[in-house]
Amino acid sequence: MAGSASVTLAKPSPQEPGAAVSSVVSLSQLPAEAQRTERLIRAGGPFPYEKDGSVFGNRERLLPRQARGYYREYTVKTPGVRHRGARRIVCGGQQVTKPEACYYTDDHYASFRRIVQ
């Protein structure tokens, strides 16, 4: 069409570690369930789901690259859902209860936002 412009948005490549973490979100802006999960992470549990605290492999390569075992994932309860749902917090660091960085996803790892205090 004459006079129309096309815009192409570049998708981050795997060589740009963490480039897909699109934004930050304040802990206070997250749903109450996510805030509770974050408190449980820092307290070391107990966690409501068996898989909470398991290693997150970052296969999507959306988070900054780290050695395997650096990231752990935790379920954020979704009201009205009987299964684990799509919401998670993924934290990374050497000490599980003192993570260096945590990320929130509400779309089962399709996107992440870094959690800030």
PDB file of N, CA and C in Angstrom:
ATOM      1  N   MET A   1       0.835  -1.179   0.000  1.00  0.00           N
ATOM      2  CA  MET A   1       0.000   0.000   0.000  1.00  0.00           C
ATOM      3  C   MET A   1       0.875   1.235   0.000  1.00  0.00           C
ATOM      4  N   ALA A   2       0.543   2.180  -0.797  1.00  0.00           N
ATOM      5  CA  ALA A   2       1.294   3.420  -0.860  1.00  0.00           C
ATOM      6  C   ALA A   2       1.033   4.238   0.394  1.00  0.00           C
ATOM      7  N   GLY A   3       2.105   4.799   0.947  1.00  0.00           N
ATOM      8  CA  GLY A   3       1.971   5.668   2.095  1.00  0.00           C
ATOM      9  C   GLY A   3       1.918   4.958   3.435  1.00  0.00           C
ATOM     10  N   SER A   4       1.941   3.631   3.455  1.00  0.00           N
ATOM     11  CA  SER A   4       1.927   2.948   4.750  1.00  0.00           C
ATOM     12  C   SER A   4       3.331   2.466   5.083  1.00  0.00           C
ATOM     13  N   ALA A   5       3.625   2.453   6.364  1.00  0.00           N
ATOM     14  CA  ALA A   5       4.944   2.024   6.813  1.00  0.00           C
ATOM     15  C   ALA A   5       4.812   0.718   7.567  1.00  0.00           C
ATOM     16  N   SER A   6       5.835  -0.090   7.470  1.00  0.00           N
ATOM     17  CA  SER A   6       5.858  -1.353   8.172  1.00  0.00           C
ATOM     18  C   SER A   6       6.931  -1.296   9.255  1.00  0.00           C
ATOM     19  N   VAL A   7       6.594  -1.776  10.432  1.00  0.00           N
ATOM     20  CA  VAL A   7       7.543  -1.796  11.528  1.00  0.00           C
ATOM     21  C   VAL A   7       7.780  -3.245  11.917  1.00  0.00           C
ATOM     22  N   THR A   8       9.038  -3.635  11.981  1.00  0.00           N
ATOM     23  CA  THR A   8       9.396  -4.979  12.406  1.00  0.00           C
ATOM     24  C   THR A   8      10.067  -4.882  13.757  1.00  0.00           C
ATOM     25  N   LEU A   9       9.550  -5.620  14.715  1.00  0.00           N
ATOM     26  CA  LEU A   9      10.143  -5.632  16.042  1.00  0.00           C
ATOM     27  C   LEU A   9      11.106  -6.796  16.140  1.00  0.00           C
ATOM     28  N   ALA A  10      12.311  -6.517  16.542  1.00  0.00           N
ATOM     29  CA  ALA A  10      13.322  -7.566  16.664  1.00  0.00           C
ATOM     30  C   ALA A  10      13.072  -8.373  17.922  1.00  0.00           C
ATOM     31  N   LYS A  11      13.131  -9.678  17.801  1.00  0.00           N
ATOM     32  CA  LYS A  11      13.024 -10.573  18.946  1.00  0.00           C
ATOM     33  C   LYS A  11      14.438 -10.808  19.469  1.00  0.00           C
ATOM     34  N   PRO A  12      14.627 -10.742  20.797  1.00  0.00           N
ATOM     35  CA  PRO A  12      15.966 -10.962  21.336  1.00  0.00           C
ATOM     36  C   PRO A  12      16.497 -12.326  20.929  1.00  0.00           C
ATOM     37  N   SER A  13      17.758 -12.372  20.600  1.00  0.00           N
ATOM     38  CA  SER A  13      18.378 -13.639  20.230  1.00  0.00           C
ATOM     39  C   SER A  13      18.903 -14.315  21.480  1.00  0.00           C
ATOM     40  N   PRO A  14      19.157 -15.627  21.420  1.00  0.00           N
ATOM     41  CA  PRO A  14      19.709 -16.327  22.577  1.00  0.00           C
ATOM     42  C   PRO A  14      21.067 -15.775  23.002  1.00  0.00           C
ATOM     43  N   GLN A  15      21.748 -15.043  22.112  1.00  0.00           N
ATOM     44  CA  GLN A  15      23.039 -14.471  22.465  1.00  0.00           C
ATOM     45  C   GLN A  15      22.890 -13.237  23.344  1.00  0.00           C
ATOM     46  N   GLU A  16      21.672 -12.741  23.503  1.00  0.00           N
ATOM     47  CA  GLU A  16      21.420 -11.587  24.346  1.00  0.00           C
ATOM     48  C   GLU A  16      20.764 -12.076  25.638  1.00  0.00           C
ATOM     49  N   PRO A  17      21.554 -12.593  26.567  1.00  0.00           N
ATOM     50  CA  PRO A  17      20.974 -13.182  27.761  1.00  0.00           C
ATOM     51  C   PRO A  17      20.096 -12.199  28.515  1.00  0.00           C
ATOM     52  N   GLY A  18      18.894 -12.636  28.832  1.00  0.00           N
ATOM     53  CA  GLY A  18      17.995 -11.828  29.625  1.00  0.00           C
ATOM     54  C   GLY A  18      17.347 -10.693  28.889  1.00  0.00           C
ATOM     55  N   ALA A  19      17.592 -10.578  27.591  1.00  0.00           N
ATOM     56  CA  ALA A  19      17.032  -9.469  26.836  1.00  0.00           C
ATOM     57  C   ALA A  19      15.517  -9.526  26.783  1.00  0.00           C
ATOM     58  N   ALA A  20      14.939 -10.678  27.035  1.00  0.00           N
ATOM     59  CA  ALA A  20      13.492 -10.818  26.950  1.00  0.00           C
ATOM     60  C   ALA A  20      12.792 -10.466  28.256  1.00  0.00           C
ATOM     61  N   VAL A  21      13.523 -10.147  29.314  1.00  0.00           N
ATOM     62  CA  VAL A  21      12.894  -9.670  30.535  1.00  0.00           C
ATOM     63  C   VAL A  21      12.501  -8.233  30.249  1.00  0.00           C
ATOM     64  N   SER A  22      11.220  -8.062  29.939  1.00  0.00           N
ATOM     65  CA  SER A  22      10.765  -6.812  29.350  1.00  0.00           C
ATOM     66  C   SER A  22      10.611  -5.662  30.323  1.00  0.00           C
ATOM     67  N   SER A  23      10.423  -5.947  31.594  1.00  0.00           N
ATOM     68  CA  SER A  23      10.169  -4.853  32.516  1.00  0.00           C
ATOM     69  C   SER A  23      10.435  -5.295  33.938  1.00  0.00           C
ATOM     70  N   VAL A  24      10.243  -4.361  34.825  1.00  0.00           N
ATOM     71  CA  VAL A  24      10.318  -4.663  36.245  1.00  0.00           C
ATOM     72  C   VAL A  24       8.933  -4.460  36.837  1.00  0.00           C
ATOM     73  N   VAL A  25       8.718  -5.094  37.965  1.00  0.00           N
ATOM     74  CA  VAL A  25       7.455  -4.938  38.674  1.00  0.00           C
ATOM     75  C   VAL A  25       7.773  -4.881  40.166  1.00  0.00           C
ATOM     76  N   SER A  26       7.135  -3.981  40.849  1.00  0.00           N
ATOM     77  CA  SER A  26       7.297  -3.880  42.284  1.00  0.00           C
ATOM     78  C   SER A  26       6.572  -5.039  42.951  1.00  0.00           C
ATOM     79  N   LEU A  27       7.180  -5.587  43.988  1.00  0.00           N
ATOM     80  CA  LEU A  27       6.550  -6.685  44.718  1.00  0.00           C
ATOM     81  C   LEU A  27       5.143  -6.294  45.157  1.00  0.00           C
ATOM     82  N   SER A  28       4.970  -5.055  45.570  1.00  0.00           N
ATOM     83  CA  SER A  28       3.659  -4.598  46.036  1.00  0.00           C
ATOM     84  C   SER A  28       2.616  -4.534  44.924  1.00  0.00           C
ATOM     85  N   GLN A  29       3.048  -4.526  43.663  1.00  0.00           N
ATOM     86  CA  GLN A  29       2.124  -4.502  42.528  1.00  0.00           C
ATOM     87  C   GLN A  29       1.677  -5.899  42.102  1.00  0.00           C
ATOM     88  N   LEU A  30       2.354  -6.921  42.602  1.00  0.00           N
ATOM     89  CA  LEU A  30       2.002  -8.287  42.239  1.00  0.00           C
ATOM     90  C   LEU A  30       0.748  -8.735  42.988  1.00  0.00           C
ATOM     91  N   PRO A  31       0.073  -9.752  42.456  1.00  0.00           N
ATOM     92  CA  PRO A  31      -1.094 -10.288  43.175  1.00  0.00           C
ATOM     93  C   PRO A  31      -0.696 -10.741  44.577  1.00  0.00           C
ATOM     94  N   ALA A  32      -1.654 -10.720  45.488  1.00  0.00           N
ATOM     95  CA  ALA A  32      -1.406 -11.128  46.880  1.00  0.00           C
ATOM     96  C   ALA A  32      -0.798 -12.519  46.955  1.00  0.00           C
ATOM     97  N   GLU A  33      -1.217 -13.421  46.075  1.00  0.00           N
ATOM     98  CA  GLU A  33      -0.681 -14.786  46.073  1.00  0.00           C
ATOM     99  C   GLU A  33       0.812 -14.792  45.749  1.00  0.00           C
ATOM    100  N   ALA A  34       1.236 -13.918  44.854  1.00  0.00           N
ATOM    101  CA  ALA A  34       2.662 -13.821  44.504  1.00  0.00           C
ATOM    102  C   ALA A  34       3.458 -13.238  45.674  1.00  0.00           C
ATOM    103  N   GLN A  35       2.883 -12.277  46.361  1.00  0.00           N
ATOM    104  CA  GLN A  35       3.557 -11.711  47.525  1.00  0.00           C
ATOM    105  C   GLN A  35       3.735 -12.768  48.613  1.00  0.00           C
ATOM    106  N   ARG A  36       2.722 -13.615  48.801  1.00  0.00           N
ATOM    107  CA  ARG A  36       2.834 -14.707  49.783  1.00  0.00           C
ATOM    108  C   ARG A  36       3.918 -15.701  49.367  1.00  0.00           C
ATOM    109  N   THR A  37       3.957 -16.029  48.076  1.00  0.00           N
ATOM    110  CA  THR A  37       4.979 -16.965  47.586  1.00  0.00           C
ATOM    111  C   THR A  37       6.368 -16.396  47.798  1.00  0.00           C
ATOM    112  N   GLU A  38       6.553 -15.123  47.545  1.00  0.00           N
ATOM    113  CA  GLU A  38       7.860 -14.484  47.725  1.00  0.00           C
ATOM    114  C   GLU A  38       8.271 -14.541  49.199  1.00  0.00           C
ATOM    115  N   ARG A  39       7.344 -14.337  50.115  1.00  0.00           N
ATOM    116  CA  ARG A  39       7.655 -14.435  51.552  1.00  0.00           C
ATOM    117  C   ARG A  39       8.053 -15.865  51.919  1.00  0.00           C
ATOM    118  N   LEU A  40       7.354 -16.851  51.341  1.00  0.00           N
ATOM    119  CA  LEU A  40       7.707 -18.255  51.597  1.00  0.00           C
ATOM    120  C   LEU A  40       9.106 -18.586  51.090  1.00  0.00           C
ATOM    121  N   ILE A  41       9.461 -18.040  49.930  1.00  0.00           N
ATOM    122  CA  ILE A  41      10.803 -18.270  49.368  1.00  0.00           C
ATOM    123  C   ILE A  41      11.853 -17.789  50.363  1.00  0.00           C
ATOM    124  N   ARG A  42      11.693 -16.592  50.864  1.00  0.00           N
ATOM    125  CA  ARG A  42      12.674 -16.009  51.792  1.00  0.00           C
ATOM    126  C   ARG A  42      12.679 -16.714  53.144  1.00  0.00           C
ATOM    127  N   ALA A  43      11.559 -17.345  53.503  1.00  0.00           N
ATOM    128  CA  ALA A  43      11.474 -18.085  54.767  1.00  0.00           C
ATOM    129  C   ALA A  43      11.938 -19.533  54.617  1.00  0.00           C
ATOM    130  N   GLY A  44      12.121 -19.975  53.381  1.00  0.00           N
ATOM    131  CA  GLY A  44      12.530 -21.360  53.148  1.00  0.00           C
ATOM    132  C   GLY A  44      11.384 -22.351  53.189  1.00  0.00           C
ATOM    133  N   GLY A  45      10.162 -21.873  53.023  1.00  0.00           N
ATOM    134  CA  GLY A  45       8.981 -22.739  52.989  1.00  0.00           C
ATOM    135  C   GLY A  45       8.201 -22.653  54.279  1.00  0.00           C
ATOM    136  N   PRO A  46       7.291 -23.557  54.464  1.00  0.00           N
ATOM    137  CA  PRO A  46       6.938 -24.719  53.634  1.00  0.00           C
ATOM    138  C   PRO A  46       6.126 -24.296  52.419  1.00  0.00           C
ATOM    139  N   PHE A  47       6.321 -25.029  51.338  1.00  0.00           N
ATOM    140  CA  PHE A  47       5.674 -24.712  50.072  1.00  0.00           C
ATOM    141  C   PHE A  47       4.485 -25.630  49.829  1.00  0.00           C
ATOM    142  N   PRO A  48       3.431 -25.101  49.211  1.00  0.00           N
ATOM    143  CA  PRO A  48       2.217 -25.897  49.009  1.00  0.00           C
ATOM    144  C   PRO A  48       2.296 -26.920  47.878  1.00  0.00           C
ATOM    145  N   TYR A  49       3.249 -26.777  46.982  1.00  0.00           N
ATOM    146  CA  TYR A  49       3.340 -27.680  45.833  1.00  0.00           C
ATOM    147  C   TYR A  49       4.657 -28.446  45.871  1.00  0.00           C
ATOM    148  N   GLU A  50       4.589 -29.713  45.535  1.00  0.00           N
ATOM    149  CA  GLU A  50       5.758 -30.588  45.574  1.00  0.00           C
ATOM    150  C   GLU A  50       6.906 -30.079  44.703  1.00  0.00           C
ATOM    151  N   LYS A  51       6.595 -29.492  43.568  1.00  0.00           N
ATOM    152  CA  LYS A  51       7.643 -29.055  42.640  1.00  0.00           C
ATOM    153  C   LYS A  51       8.251 -27.701  43.010  1.00  0.00           C
ATOM    154  N   ASP A  52       7.687 -27.022  43.993  1.00  0.00           N
ATOM    155  CA  ASP A  52       8.248 -25.731  44.400  1.00  0.00           C
ATOM    156  C   ASP A  52       9.672 -25.907  44.891  1.00  0.00           C
ATOM    157  N   GLY A  53      10.566 -25.051  44.412  1.00  0.00           N
ATOM    158  CA  GLY A  53      11.974 -25.123  44.765  1.00  0.00           C
ATOM    159  C   GLY A  53      12.797 -25.978  43.824  1.00  0.00           C
ATOM    160  N   SER A  54      12.148 -26.551  42.813  1.00  0.00           N
ATOM    161  CA  SER A  54      12.897 -27.371  41.859  1.00  0.00           C
ATOM    162  C   SER A  54      13.685 -26.477  40.899  1.00  0.00           C
ATOM    163  N   VAL A  55      14.719 -27.051  40.316  1.00  0.00           N
ATOM    164  CA  VAL A  55      15.594 -26.301  39.409  1.00  0.00           C
ATOM    165  C   VAL A  55      14.819 -25.885  38.165  1.00  0.00           C
ATOM    166  N   PHE A  56      14.957 -24.621  37.811  1.00  0.00           N
ATOM    167  CA  PHE A  56      14.367 -24.075  36.590  1.00  0.00           C
ATOM    168  C   PHE A  56      15.484 -24.023  35.554  1.00  0.00           C
ATOM    169  N   GLY A  57      15.281 -24.701  34.438  1.00  0.00           N
ATOM    170  CA  GLY A  57      16.336 -24.853  33.437  1.00  0.00           C
ATOM    171  C   GLY A  57      16.537 -23.681  32.501  1.00  0.00           C
ATOM    172  N   ASN A  58      15.631 -22.705  32.489  1.00  0.00           N
ATOM    173  CA  ASN A  58      15.750 -21.537  31.606  1.00  0.00           C
ATOM    174  C   ASN A  58      15.890 -21.952  30.141  1.00  0.00           C
ATOM    175  N   ARG A  59      15.190 -23.017  29.749  1.00  0.00           N
ATOM    176  CA  ARG A  59      15.270 -23.504  28.364  1.00  0.00           C
ATOM    177  C   ARG A  59      14.770 -22.470  27.362  1.00  0.00           C
ATOM    178  N   GLU A  60      13.889 -21.588  27.819  1.00  0.00           N
ATOM    179  CA  GLU A  60      13.375 -20.546  26.938  1.00  0.00           C
ATOM    180  C   GLU A  60      14.423 -19.468  26.673  1.00  0.00           C
ATOM    181  N   ARG A  61      15.449 -19.446  27.501  1.00  0.00           N
ATOM    182  CA  ARG A  61      16.545 -18.469  27.414  1.00  0.00           C
ATOM    183  C   ARG A  61      16.055 -17.025  27.512  1.00  0.00           C
ATOM    184  N   LEU A  62      15.058 -16.825  28.339  1.00  0.00           N
ATOM    185  CA  LEU A  62      14.539 -15.474  28.531  1.00  0.00           C
ATOM    186  C   LEU A  62      15.185 -14.775  29.720  1.00  0.00           C
ATOM    187  N   LEU A  63      15.714 -15.546  30.642  1.00  0.00           N
ATOM    188  CA  LEU A  63      16.413 -14.979  31.790  1.00  0.00           C
ATOM    189  C   LEU A  63      17.909 -14.943  31.496  1.00  0.00           C
ATOM    190  N   PRO A  64      18.646 -14.095  32.223  1.00  0.00           N
ATOM    191  CA  PRO A  64      20.105 -14.071  32.011  1.00  0.00           C
ATOM    192  C   PRO A  64      20.704 -15.470  32.195  1.00  0.00           C
ATOM    193  N   ARG A  65      21.648 -15.809  31.340  1.00  0.00           N
ATOM    194  CA  ARG A  65      22.271 -17.135  31.406  1.00  0.00           C
ATOM    195  C   ARG A  65      23.049 -17.305  32.692  1.00  0.00           C
ATOM    196  N   GLN A  66      22.853 -18.463  33.272  1.00  0.00           N
ATOM    197  CA  GLN A  66      23.559 -18.844  34.498  1.00  0.00           C
ATOM    198  C   GLN A  66      23.795 -20.342  34.439  1.00  0.00           C
ATOM    199  N   ALA A  67      24.657 -20.817  35.315  1.00  0.00           N
ATOM    200  CA  ALA A  67      24.928 -22.262  35.398  1.00  0.00           C
ATOM    201  C   ALA A  67      23.667 -22.996  35.840  1.00  0.00           C
ATOM    202  N   ARG A  68      23.534 -24.234  35.392  1.00  0.00           N
ATOM    203  CA  ARG A  68      22.380 -25.051  35.790  1.00  0.00           C
ATOM    204  C   ARG A  68      22.318 -25.145  37.312  1.00  0.00           C
ATOM    205  N   GLY A  69      21.144 -25.003  37.850  1.00  0.00           N
ATOM    206  CA  GLY A  69      20.944 -25.043  39.290  1.00  0.00           C
ATOM    207  C   GLY A  69      20.857 -23.670  39.925  1.00  0.00           C
ATOM    208  N   TYR A  70      21.194 -22.641  39.161  1.00  0.00           N
ATOM    209  CA  TYR A  70      21.146 -21.267  39.686  1.00  0.00           C
ATOM    210  C   TYR A  70      19.709 -20.823  39.939  1.00  0.00           C
ATOM    211  N   TYR A  71      18.802 -21.154  39.012  1.00  0.00           N
ATOM    212  CA  TYR A  71      17.405 -20.728  39.123  1.00  0.00           C
ATOM    213  C   TYR A  71      16.538 -21.818  39.735  1.00  0.00           C
ATOM    214  N   ARG A  72      15.586 -21.399  40.560  1.00  0.00           N
ATOM    215  CA  ARG A  72      14.587 -22.299  41.138  1.00  0.00           C
ATOM    216  C   ARG A  72      13.211 -21.690  40.887  1.00  0.00           C
ATOM    217  N   GLU A  73      12.220 -22.562  40.712  1.00  0.00           N
ATOM    218  CA  GLU A  73      10.874 -22.064  40.420  1.00  0.00           C
ATOM    219  C   GLU A  73       9.899 -22.382  41.538  1.00  0.00           C
ATOM    220  N   TYR A  74       8.912 -21.495  41.671  1.00  0.00           N
ATOM    221  CA  TYR A  74       7.905 -21.614  42.718  1.00  0.00           C
ATOM    222  C   TYR A  74       6.542 -21.261  42.125  1.00  0.00           C
ATOM    223  N   THR A  75       5.541 -22.014  42.497  1.00  0.00           N
ATOM    224  CA  THR A  75       4.188 -21.803  42.007  1.00  0.00           C
ATOM    225  C   THR A  75       3.527 -20.645  42.748  1.00  0.00           C
ATOM    226  N   VAL A  76       2.859 -19.791  41.978  1.00  0.00           N
ATOM    227  CA  VAL A  76       2.013 -18.751  42.557  1.00  0.00           C
ATOM    228  C   VAL A  76       0.575 -19.227  42.370  1.00  0.00           C
ATOM    229  N   LYS A  77      -0.089 -19.464  43.464  1.00  0.00           N
ATOM    230  CA  LYS A  77      -1.453 -19.993  43.436  1.00  0.00           C
ATOM    231  C   LYS A  77      -2.365 -19.090  42.595  1.00  0.00           C
ATOM    232  N   THR A  78      -3.209 -19.723  41.792  1.00  0.00           N
ATOM    233  CA  THR A  78      -4.185 -19.009  40.978  1.00  0.00           C
ATOM    234  C   THR A  78      -5.574 -19.339  41.522  1.00  0.00           C
ATOM    235  N   PRO A  79      -6.289 -18.344  42.067  1.00  0.00           N
ATOM    236  CA  PRO A  79      -7.621 -18.620  42.608  1.00  0.00           C
ATOM    237  C   PRO A  79      -8.540 -19.253  41.563  1.00  0.00           C
ATOM    238  N   GLY A  80      -9.302 -20.249  42.003  1.00  0.00           N
ATOM    239  CA  GLY A  80     -10.268 -20.894  41.131  1.00  0.00           C
ATOM    240  C   GLY A  80      -9.706 -21.973  40.226  1.00  0.00           C
ATOM    241  N   VAL A  81      -8.395 -22.240  40.319  1.00  0.00           N
ATOM    242  CA  VAL A  81      -7.753 -23.249  39.479  1.00  0.00           C
ATOM    243  C   VAL A  81      -7.334 -24.421  40.366  1.00  0.00           C
ATOM    244  N   ARG A  82      -7.654 -25.628  39.950  1.00  0.00           N
ATOM    245  CA  ARG A  82      -7.328 -26.807  40.757  1.00  0.00           C
ATOM    246  C   ARG A  82      -5.917 -27.333  40.511  1.00  0.00           C
ATOM    247  N   HIS A  83      -5.296 -26.932  39.400  1.00  0.00           N
ATOM    248  CA  HIS A  83      -3.930 -27.365  39.102  1.00  0.00           C
ATOM    249  C   HIS A  83      -2.976 -26.222  39.444  1.00  0.00           C
ATOM    250  N   ARG A  84      -1.719 -26.358  39.104  1.00  0.00           N
ATOM    251  CA  ARG A  84      -0.719 -25.344  39.457  1.00  0.00           C
ATOM    252  C   ARG A  84      -0.910 -24.027  38.714  1.00  0.00           C
ATOM    253  N   GLY A  85      -1.607 -24.022  37.608  1.00  0.00           N
ATOM    254  CA  GLY A  85      -1.806 -22.777  36.878  1.00  0.00           C
ATOM    255  C   GLY A  85      -0.556 -22.322  36.155  1.00  0.00           C
ATOM    256  N   ALA A  86      -0.565 -21.096  35.662  1.00  0.00           N
ATOM    257  CA  ALA A  86       0.523 -20.578  34.827  1.00  0.00           C
ATOM    258  C   ALA A  86       1.442 -19.606  35.556  1.00  0.00           C
ATOM    259  N   ARG A  87       1.094 -19.209  36.750  1.00  0.00           N
ATOM    260  CA  ARG A  87       1.861 -18.170  37.442  1.00  0.00           C
ATOM    261  C   ARG A  87       3.007 -18.789  38.242  1.00  0.00           C
ATOM    262  N   ARG A  88       4.192 -18.182  38.103  1.00  0.00           N
ATOM    263  CA  ARG A  88       5.380 -18.659  38.809  1.00  0.00           C
ATOM    264  C   ARG A  88       6.263 -17.477  39.221  1.00  0.00           C
ATOM    265  N   ILE A  89       7.065 -17.729  40.226  1.00  0.00           N
ATOM    266  CA  ILE A  89       8.200 -16.870  40.549  1.00  0.00           C
ATOM    267  C   ILE A  89       9.435 -17.736  40.361  1.00  0.00           C
ATOM    268  N   VAL A  90      10.405 -17.212  39.641  1.00  0.00           N
ATOM    269  CA  VAL A  90      11.681 -17.899  39.427  1.00  0.00           C
ATOM    270  C   VAL A  90      12.752 -17.023  40.065  1.00  0.00           C
ATOM    271  N   CYS A  91      13.530 -17.614  40.975  1.00  0.00           N
ATOM    272  CA  CYS A  91      14.578 -16.872  41.667  1.00  0.00           C
ATOM    273  C   CYS A  91      15.929 -17.508  41.388  1.00  0.00           C
ATOM    274  N   GLY A  92      16.943 -16.665  41.390  1.00  0.00           N
ATOM    275  CA  GLY A  92      18.298 -17.153  41.168  1.00  0.00           C
ATOM    276  C   GLY A  92      19.250 -16.645  42.214  1.00  0.00           C
ATOM    277  N   GLY A  93      20.221 -17.481  42.518  1.00  0.00           N
ATOM    278  CA  GLY A  93      21.242 -17.093  43.476  1.00  0.00           C
ATOM    279  C   GLY A  93      21.833 -18.312  44.143  1.00  0.00           C
ATOM    280  N   GLN A  94      22.876 -18.094  44.888  1.00  0.00           N
ATOM    281  CA  GLN A  94      23.550 -19.195  45.568  1.00  0.00           C
ATOM    282  C   GLN A  94      22.822 -19.611  46.839  1.00  0.00           C
ATOM    283  N   GLN A  95      22.174 -18.663  47.508  1.00  0.00           N
ATOM    284  CA  GLN A  95      21.415 -18.965  48.713  1.00  0.00           C
ATOM    285  C   GLN A  95      19.933 -18.883  48.374  1.00  0.00           C
ATOM    286  N   VAL A  96      19.234 -19.978  48.546  1.00  0.00           N
ATOM    287  CA  VAL A  96      17.828 -20.059  48.149  1.00  0.00           C
ATOM    288  C   VAL A  96      16.971 -19.034  48.879  1.00  0.00           C
ATOM    289  N   THR A  97      17.234 -18.791  50.145  1.00  0.00           N
ATOM    290  CA  THR A  97      16.413 -17.857  50.910  1.00  0.00           C
ATOM    291  C   THR A  97      16.865 -16.399  50.770  1.00  0.00           C
ATOM    292  N   LYS A  98      17.972 -16.187  50.067  1.00  0.00           N
ATOM    293  CA  LYS A  98      18.459 -14.826  49.800  1.00  0.00           C
ATOM    294  C   LYS A  98      18.790 -14.698  48.317  1.00  0.00           C
ATOM    295  N   PRO A  99      17.752 -14.773  47.464  1.00  0.00           N
ATOM    296  CA  PRO A  99      18.012 -14.750  46.026  1.00  0.00           C
ATOM    297  C   PRO A  99      18.612 -13.429  45.563  1.00  0.00           C
ATOM    298  N   GLU A 100      19.442 -13.536  44.536  1.00  0.00           N
ATOM    299  CA  GLU A 100      20.048 -12.351  43.929  1.00  0.00           C
ATOM    300  C   GLU A 100      19.043 -11.632  43.039  1.00  0.00           C
ATOM    301  N   ALA A 101      18.150 -12.395  42.419  1.00  0.00           N
ATOM    302  CA  ALA A 101      17.127 -11.814  41.543  1.00  0.00           C
ATOM    303  C   ALA A 101      15.951 -12.773  41.465  1.00  0.00           C
ATOM    304  N   CYS A 102      14.748 -12.200  41.411  1.00  0.00           N
ATOM    305  CA  CYS A 102      13.531 -12.987  41.235  1.00  0.00           C
ATOM    306  C   CYS A 102      12.728 -12.394  40.085  1.00  0.00           C
ATOM    307  N   TYR A 103      12.019 -13.271  39.387  1.00  0.00           N
ATOM    308  CA  TYR A 103      11.241 -12.884  38.213  1.00  0.00           C
ATOM    309  C   TYR A 103       9.837 -13.472  38.325  1.00  0.00           C
ATOM    310  N   TYR A 104       8.861 -12.716  37.857  1.00  0.00           N
ATOM    311  CA  TYR A 104       7.463 -13.149  37.883  1.00  0.00           C
ATOM    312  C   TYR A 104       6.985 -13.403  36.463  1.00  0.00           C
ATOM    313  N   THR A 105       6.265 -14.517  36.295  1.00  0.00           N
ATOM    314  CA  THR A 105       5.612 -14.800  35.020  1.00  0.00           C
ATOM    315  C   THR A 105       4.176 -15.199  35.312  1.00  0.00           C
ATOM    316  N   ASP A 106       3.255 -14.675  34.535  1.00  0.00           N
ATOM    317  CA  ASP A 106       1.858 -15.078  34.683  1.00  0.00           C
ATOM    318  C   ASP A 106       1.366 -15.805  33.435  1.00  0.00           C
ATOM    319  N   ASP A 107       2.320 -16.120  32.543  1.00  0.00           N
ATOM    320  CA  ASP A 107       1.972 -16.794  31.287  1.00  0.00           C
ATOM    321  C   ASP A 107       2.848 -18.030  31.045  1.00  0.00           C
ATOM    322  N   HIS A 108       3.190 -18.711  32.131  1.00  0.00           N
ATOM    323  CA  HIS A 108       3.965 -19.958  32.093  1.00  0.00           C
ATOM    324  C   HIS A 108       5.233 -19.843  31.253  1.00  0.00           C
ATOM    325  N   TYR A 109       6.072 -18.912  31.630  1.00  0.00           N
ATOM    326  CA  TYR A 109       7.424 -18.730  31.084  1.00  0.00           C
ATOM    327  C   TYR A 109       7.485 -18.081  29.689  1.00  0.00           C
ATOM    328  N   ALA A 110       6.391 -17.564  29.184  1.00  0.00           N
ATOM    329  CA  ALA A 110       6.447 -16.871  27.884  1.00  0.00           C
ATOM    330  C   ALA A 110       7.057 -15.479  28.039  1.00  0.00           C
ATOM    331  N   SER A 111       6.942 -14.899  29.231  1.00  0.00           N
ATOM    332  CA  SER A 111       7.544 -13.590  29.516  1.00  0.00           C
ATOM    333  C   SER A 111       7.838 -13.501  31.007  1.00  0.00           C
ATOM    334  N   PHE A 112       8.756 -12.646  31.352  1.00  0.00           N
ATOM    335  CA  PHE A 112       9.137 -12.431  32.746  1.00  0.00           C
ATOM    336  C   PHE A 112       9.258 -10.953  33.043  1.00  0.00           C
ATOM    337  N   ARG A 113       8.976 -10.594  34.279  1.00  0.00           N
ATOM    338  CA  ARG A 113       9.252  -9.255  34.781  1.00  0.00           C
ATOM    339  C   ARG A 113      10.099  -9.409  36.054  1.00  0.00           C
ATOM    340  N   ARG A 114      11.163  -8.635  36.136  1.00  0.00           N
ATOM    341  CA  ARG A 114      12.023  -8.718  37.325  1.00  0.00           C
ATOM    342  C   ARG A 114      11.311  -8.051  38.486  1.00  0.00           C
ATOM    343  N   ILE A 115      11.323  -8.727  39.636  1.00  0.00           N
ATOM    344  CA  ILE A 115      10.669  -8.203  40.836  1.00  0.00           C
ATOM    345  C   ILE A 115      11.651  -7.304  41.575  1.00  0.00           C
ATOM    346  N   VAL A 116      11.194  -6.109  41.889  1.00  0.00           N
ATOM    347  CA  VAL A 116      11.997  -5.175  42.684  1.00  0.00           C
ATOM    348  C   VAL A 116      11.228  -4.868  43.962  1.00  0.00           C
ATOM    349  N   GLN A 117      11.977  -4.557  44.991  1.00  0.00           N
ATOM    350  CA  GLN A 117      11.355  -4.238  46.294  1.00  0.00           C
ATOM    351  C   GLN A 117      10.863  -2.848  46.233  1.00  0.00           C
TER     352      GLN A 117
END
